[in-house]
Every structure is written in structure tokens, then in C-alpha cells.
């Protein structure tokens, strides 16, 4: 079943914590917000075919994002993540595939590993 959802594209940002240049903090900042992205859930059988049975996750999805954009490090859905507090579900990206005017990202929640 295909759903359309809005997503945040996240990139790792390292900033200093004040006057000490060695006191660095890493977090993920929003580089873009993409609207009307197609989202399909990946079952365990599709994951084993795509990823070669490396790791299986209960919460894995394929997201097709329209347009051109900078490659993100992580991705989050707008209704599941608050960029101000940086709280919510953040997905890792696996096997990005660029096409003519869109990019397919296979994403998974590392908290939902089953095998």
C-alpha cells in the first residue's frame, strides 16, 4: 500500500559548545523538507531479497522523494519528529537510488531490528 507523507532530510552537524574548540557536539539538522513523498512498507521477505538477509527490521520502508536535493545522512517523517527538540523517530538510510527526477531511499529504524 502506497502512502504519501512529508519528510525531513537530516544531515549531521558538528558545532562547538562555546569557547572551547575541542568541545564539539554532533546532532542532525534539517537540510530540507520534502512534501508528498511516496512511502511503501517493506516486509521481511522483501528486505531479505533487497539486503541479502544481512539484517531484518520490523520498521523498514521505501521512500521515493521527488526532485533534486543534497544527499541526507538520515531521514524523519514530519508527523513523527520535532526538529526543534530533535526528538522522535529517525531512520537510517540504506541503498539510495537516484533516478531521472526522483530518488528512492530504503530506510529502516535501528530500534526495530529482528534478525
Protein backbone atom coordinates (compact mmCIF):
# COMPACT_ATOMS: atom_id res chain seq x y z
CA UNK A 1 0.00 0.00 0.00
CA UNK A 2 1.43 3.35 -1.03
CA UNK A 3 1.01 6.37 1.21
CA UNK A 4 2.09 9.96 0.68
CA UNK A 5 3.94 11.57 3.59
CA UNK A 6 6.11 14.63 4.20
CA UNK A 7 9.71 14.05 5.27
CA UNK A 8 12.65 15.92 6.77
CA UNK A 9 16.07 15.27 5.26
CA UNK A 10 18.69 15.36 8.03
CA UNK A 11 22.43 15.99 7.82
CA UNK A 12 24.99 15.55 10.63
CA UNK A 13 26.12 18.91 12.01
CA UNK A 14 29.05 19.38 14.38
CA UNK A 15 29.30 22.61 16.32
CA UNK A 16 31.48 23.79 19.19
CA UNK A 17 29.94 24.23 22.58
CA UNK A 18 31.28 27.72 23.30
CA UNK A 19 34.80 28.98 23.79
CA UNK A 20 36.50 25.56 23.88
CA UNK A 21 37.19 24.43 20.26
CA UNK A 22 37.62 20.81 21.39
CA UNK A 23 34.17 20.65 22.98
CA UNK A 24 32.21 19.50 19.92
CA UNK A 25 28.62 18.30 19.82
CA UNK A 26 27.04 16.37 16.96
CA UNK A 27 23.38 16.48 16.07
CA UNK A 28 21.24 16.19 12.97
CA UNK A 29 19.95 19.37 11.37
CA UNK A 30 17.19 19.64 8.79
CA UNK A 31 18.59 20.42 5.33
CA UNK A 32 15.26 20.16 3.50
CA UNK A 33 11.59 19.35 3.93
CA UNK A 34 10.10 17.36 1.07
CA UNK A 35 6.36 17.12 0.53
CA UNK A 36 4.24 14.29 -0.94
CA UNK A 37 6.84 11.51 -0.86
CA UNK A 38 5.65 8.03 -1.72
CA UNK A 39 6.16 5.55 1.13
CA UNK A 40 5.86 1.77 0.94
CA UNK A 41 6.39 -0.63 3.84
CA UNK A 42 8.97 -3.38 3.28
CA UNK A 43 8.10 -6.74 4.73
CA UNK A 44 10.69 -9.20 5.99
CA UNK A 45 10.73 -11.17 2.72
CA UNK A 46 11.36 -8.06 0.59
CA UNK A 47 14.11 -6.97 2.97
CA UNK A 48 15.89 -10.31 2.69
CA UNK A 49 15.73 -10.06 -1.11
CA UNK A 50 16.95 -6.45 -1.21
CA UNK A 51 19.58 -6.55 1.52
CA UNK A 52 20.71 -10.15 1.13
CA UNK A 53 19.48 -11.22 4.58
CA UNK A 54 22.10 -9.04 6.27
CA UNK A 55 19.76 -7.53 8.88
CA UNK A 56 15.99 -7.53 9.14
CA UNK A 57 13.92 -4.74 10.68
CA UNK A 58 10.29 -4.62 11.74
CA UNK A 59 10.05 -0.98 10.63
CA UNK A 60 11.57 -0.66 7.15
CA UNK A 61 10.24 1.43 4.27
CA UNK A 62 10.98 2.50 0.72
CA UNK A 63 10.62 6.28 0.23
CA UNK A 64 10.56 7.91 -3.19
CA UNK A 65 11.39 11.61 -2.94
CA UNK A 66 10.65 13.88 -5.91
CA UNK A 67 13.13 16.45 -7.20
CA UNK A 68 16.83 17.03 -6.71
CA UNK A 69 18.35 17.51 -3.25
CA UNK A 70 21.51 17.15 -1.23
CA UNK A 71 22.07 13.56 -0.07
CA UNK A 72 20.93 13.25 3.59
CA UNK A 73 22.53 11.19 6.36
CA UNK A 74 19.20 10.33 7.99
CA UNK A 75 15.51 10.88 7.34
CA UNK A 76 12.46 11.51 9.54
CA UNK A 77 8.75 11.87 8.89
CA UNK A 78 7.23 15.27 9.69
CA UNK A 79 4.48 13.82 11.89
CA UNK A 80 6.97 11.68 13.91
CA UNK A 81 9.84 14.13 14.51
CA UNK A 82 10.24 17.59 16.05
CA UNK A 83 13.32 19.38 14.64
CA UNK A 84 13.41 21.98 17.44
CA UNK A 85 13.78 19.45 20.24
CA UNK A 86 15.31 16.77 17.98
CA UNK A 87 13.01 14.15 19.44
CA UNK A 88 11.17 11.46 17.53
CA UNK A 89 11.83 8.55 15.20
CA UNK A 90 14.86 8.97 12.95
CA UNK A 91 15.51 6.43 10.18
CA UNK A 92 18.85 5.29 8.78
CA UNK A 93 19.25 5.24 5.02
CA UNK A 94 20.36 2.26 3.01
CA UNK A 95 20.90 1.87 -0.74
CA UNK A 96 19.94 5.31 -2.14
CA UNK A 97 18.99 5.06 -5.81
CA UNK A 98 18.85 8.19 -7.97
CA UNK A 99 16.53 8.28 -10.98
CA UNK A 100 15.69 11.00 -13.50
CA UNK A 101 13.69 13.35 -11.29
CA UNK A 102 13.41 11.47 -8.02
CA UNK A 103 15.42 9.38 -5.58
CA UNK A 104 14.45 6.13 -3.90
CA UNK A 105 15.71 5.62 -0.34
CA UNK A 106 15.39 2.39 1.60
CA UNK A 107 15.08 3.40 5.24
CA UNK A 108 14.89 1.47 8.50
CA UNK A 109 14.50 2.15 12.19
CA UNK A 110 17.50 0.65 14.01
CA UNK A 111 15.39 0.25 17.16
CA UNK A 112 13.22 -2.35 15.39
CA UNK A 113 15.84 -4.97 14.48
CA UNK A 114 14.51 -8.53 14.49
CA UNK A 115 17.29 -10.54 12.84
